[in-house]
Amino acid sequence: MPDRPSPPAECANCGAAIPRSAQACPACGADERTGWRDSTATLYDGLDLPDSAYADEAAPPAPRPRRGPAWYWWCVAVALLIFFALAALGLR
């Protein structure tokens, strides 16, 4: 069974001091599997991810595209047709 590597002096997750004999960070509980190894901390440092990659809130849903005129324009069109029909018949 291979020897476990010694932990770093400082936790990369929370910044707390880690004793050399610790198997996990005493402050946050991070361990070698969850990412406080020096090799994983420096592996992702140069990625230059945009700030939006760290946003915790979900993006608002996209608005639905319209498929035609709104209902009130249909009402206006019907009212105008009735008005013109009555004017053409001389009832108005």
C-alpha atoms as a PDB file:
ATOM      1  CA  MET A   1       0.000   0.000   0.000  1.00  0.00           C
ATOM      2  CA  PRO A   2       1.582   3.305  -1.041  1.00  0.00           C
ATOM      3  CA  ASP A   3       2.257   5.989   1.529  1.00  0.00           C
ATOM      4  CA  ARG A   4      -0.181   8.857   1.576  1.00  0.00           C
ATOM      5  CA  PRO A   5       1.401  12.153   0.594  1.00  0.00           C
ATOM      6  CA  SER A   6       1.628  14.683   3.380  1.00  0.00           C
ATOM      7  CA  PRO A   7      -0.973  17.451   3.257  1.00  0.00           C
ATOM      8  CA  PRO A   8      -0.023  21.014   2.261  1.00  0.00           C
ATOM      9  CA  ALA A   9       0.648  23.544   4.984  1.00  0.00           C
ATOM     10  CA  GLU A  10      -2.485  25.501   4.053  1.00  0.00           C
ATOM     11  CA  CYS A  11      -5.849  24.248   2.757  1.00  0.00           C
ATOM     12  CA  ALA A  12      -6.461  25.329  -0.836  1.00  0.00           C
ATOM     13  CA  ASN A  13     -10.212  25.245  -0.194  1.00  0.00           C
ATOM     14  CA  CYS A  14     -10.562  27.447   2.913  1.00  0.00           C
ATOM     15  CA  GLY A  15      -7.028  28.663   3.724  1.00  0.00           C
ATOM     16  CA  ALA A  16      -6.827  27.098   7.194  1.00  0.00           C
ATOM     17  CA  ALA A  17      -3.553  25.670   8.521  1.00  0.00           C
ATOM     18  CA  ILE A  18      -3.379  21.874   8.215  1.00  0.00           C
ATOM     19  CA  PRO A  19      -1.311  19.803  10.658  1.00  0.00           C
ATOM     20  CA  ARG A  20       1.168  17.429   8.963  1.00  0.00           C
ATOM     21  CA  SER A  21      -0.507  14.319  10.385  1.00  0.00           C
ATOM     22  CA  ALA A  22      -4.052  15.341   9.359  1.00  0.00           C
ATOM     23  CA  GLN A  23      -5.984  13.313   6.828  1.00  0.00           C
ATOM     24  CA  ALA A  24      -8.472  16.137   6.206  1.00  0.00           C
ATOM     25  CA  CYS A  25      -8.683  19.890   6.787  1.00  0.00           C
ATOM     26  CA  PRO A  26      -9.842  20.515  10.371  1.00  0.00           C
ATOM     27  CA  ALA A  27     -11.778  23.640   9.308  1.00  0.00           C
ATOM     28  CA  CYS A  28     -13.729  22.594   6.211  1.00  0.00           C
ATOM     29  CA  GLY A  29     -13.213  18.827   5.958  1.00  0.00           C
ATOM     30  CA  ALA A  30     -11.540  18.919   2.536  1.00  0.00           C
ATOM     31  CA  ASP A  31      -9.108  16.096   1.897  1.00  0.00           C
ATOM     32  CA  GLU A  32      -6.900  14.775  -0.886  1.00  0.00           C
ATOM     33  CA  ARG A  33      -9.872  13.408  -2.838  1.00  0.00           C
ATOM     34  CA  THR A  34     -11.869  16.650  -2.634  1.00  0.00           C
ATOM     35  CA  GLY A  35      -9.113  18.899  -3.867  1.00  0.00           C
ATOM     36  CA  TRP A  36      -6.631  20.278  -1.358  1.00  0.00           C
ATOM     37  CA  ARG A  37      -3.613  18.694  -2.996  1.00  0.00           C
ATOM     38  CA  ASP A  38      -1.034  21.160  -4.304  1.00  0.00           C
ATOM     39  CA  SER A  39      -1.004  19.426  -7.681  1.00  0.00           C
ATOM     40  CA  THR A  40      -4.738  19.955  -8.284  1.00  0.00           C
ATOM     41  CA  ALA A  41      -4.724  23.509  -6.973  1.00  0.00           C
ATOM     42  CA  THR A  42      -2.110  24.588  -9.508  1.00  0.00           C
ATOM     43  CA  LEU A  43      -3.528  22.482 -12.336  1.00  0.00           C
ATOM     44  CA  TYR A  44      -6.545  24.767 -12.883  1.00  0.00           C
ATOM     45  CA  ASP A  45      -4.965  28.140 -12.071  1.00  0.00           C
ATOM     46  CA  GLY A  46      -4.261  29.210 -15.669  1.00  0.00           C
ATOM     47  CA  LEU A  47      -7.660  28.464 -17.234  1.00  0.00           C
ATOM     48  CA  ASP A  48      -8.928  32.082 -17.224  1.00  0.00           C
ATOM     49  CA  LEU A  49     -12.580  31.111 -16.933  1.00  0.00           C
ATOM     50  CA  PRO A  50     -15.095  33.972 -17.318  1.00  0.00           C
ATOM     51  CA  ASP A  51     -16.864  35.267 -14.218  1.00  0.00           C
ATOM     52  CA  SER A  52     -20.143  33.892 -15.544  1.00  0.00           C
ATOM     53  CA  ALA A  53     -18.772  30.378 -15.073  1.00  0.00           C
ATOM     54  CA  TYR A  54     -18.889  30.955 -11.312  1.00  0.00           C
ATOM     55  CA  ALA A  55     -22.436  32.324 -11.166  1.00  0.00           C
ATOM     56  CA  ASP A  56     -24.632  30.246  -8.886  1.00  0.00           C
ATOM     57  CA  GLU A  57     -27.944  31.626 -10.048  1.00  0.00           C
ATOM     58  CA  ALA A  58     -29.670  30.158 -13.064  1.00  0.00           C
ATOM     59  CA  ALA A  59     -30.183  32.214 -16.183  1.00  0.00           C
ATOM     60  CA  PRO A  60     -33.738  33.458 -16.722  1.00  0.00           C
ATOM     61  CA  PRO A  61     -35.731  31.470 -19.249  1.00  0.00           C
ATOM     62  CA  ALA A  62     -35.705  32.750 -22.804  1.00  0.00           C
ATOM     63  CA  PRO A  63     -38.890  34.586 -23.827  1.00  0.00           C
ATOM     64  CA  ARG A  64     -41.309  32.699 -26.040  1.00  0.00           C
ATOM     65  CA  PRO A  65     -41.307  33.832 -29.652  1.00  0.00           C
ATOM     66  CA  ARG A  66     -44.587  35.296 -30.843  1.00  0.00           C
ATOM     67  CA  ARG A  67     -46.444  33.342 -33.470  1.00  0.00           C
ATOM     68  CA  GLY A  68     -48.713  36.091 -34.710  1.00  0.00           C
ATOM     69  CA  PRO A  69     -50.565  39.193 -33.589  1.00  0.00           C
ATOM     70  CA  ALA A  70     -51.644  39.482 -29.986  1.00  0.00           C
ATOM     71  CA  TRP A  71     -55.268  38.763 -29.072  1.00  0.00           C
ATOM     72  CA  TYR A  72     -56.186  42.441 -28.668  1.00  0.00           C
ATOM     73  CA  TRP A  73     -55.195  43.215 -32.270  1.00  0.00           C
ATOM     74  CA  TRP A  74     -57.646  40.541 -33.404  1.00  0.00           C
ATOM     75  CA  CYS A  75     -60.351  42.295 -31.365  1.00  0.00           C
ATOM     76  CA  VAL A  76     -59.472  45.653 -32.975  1.00  0.00           C
ATOM     77  CA  ALA A  77     -59.607  44.097 -36.451  1.00  0.00           C
ATOM     78  CA  VAL A  78     -63.042  42.532 -35.832  1.00  0.00           C
ATOM     79  CA  ALA A  79     -64.387  45.830 -34.416  1.00  0.00           C
ATOM     80  CA  LEU A  80     -63.138  47.732 -37.482  1.00  0.00           C
ATOM     81  CA  LEU A  81     -64.686  45.169 -39.846  1.00  0.00           C
ATOM     82  CA  ILE A  82     -68.035  45.504 -38.078  1.00  0.00           C
ATOM     83  CA  PHE A  83     -67.801  49.319 -38.162  1.00  0.00           C
ATOM     84  CA  PHE A  84     -66.993  49.365 -41.903  1.00  0.00           C
ATOM     85  CA  ALA A  85     -69.716  46.797 -42.688  1.00  0.00           C
ATOM     86  CA  LEU A  86     -72.305  48.893 -40.872  1.00  0.00           C
ATOM     87  CA  ALA A  87     -71.075  52.078 -42.618  1.00  0.00           C
ATOM     88  CA  ALA A  88     -71.241  50.400 -46.028  1.00  0.00           C
ATOM     89  CA  LEU A  89     -74.804  49.243 -45.407  1.00  0.00           C
ATOM     90  CA  GLY A  90     -75.773  52.765 -44.331  1.00  0.00           C
ATOM     91  CA  LEU A  91     -76.856  51.664 -40.858  1.00  0.00           C
ATOM     92  CA  ARG A  92     -74.520  54.012 -39.133  1.00  0.00           C
END
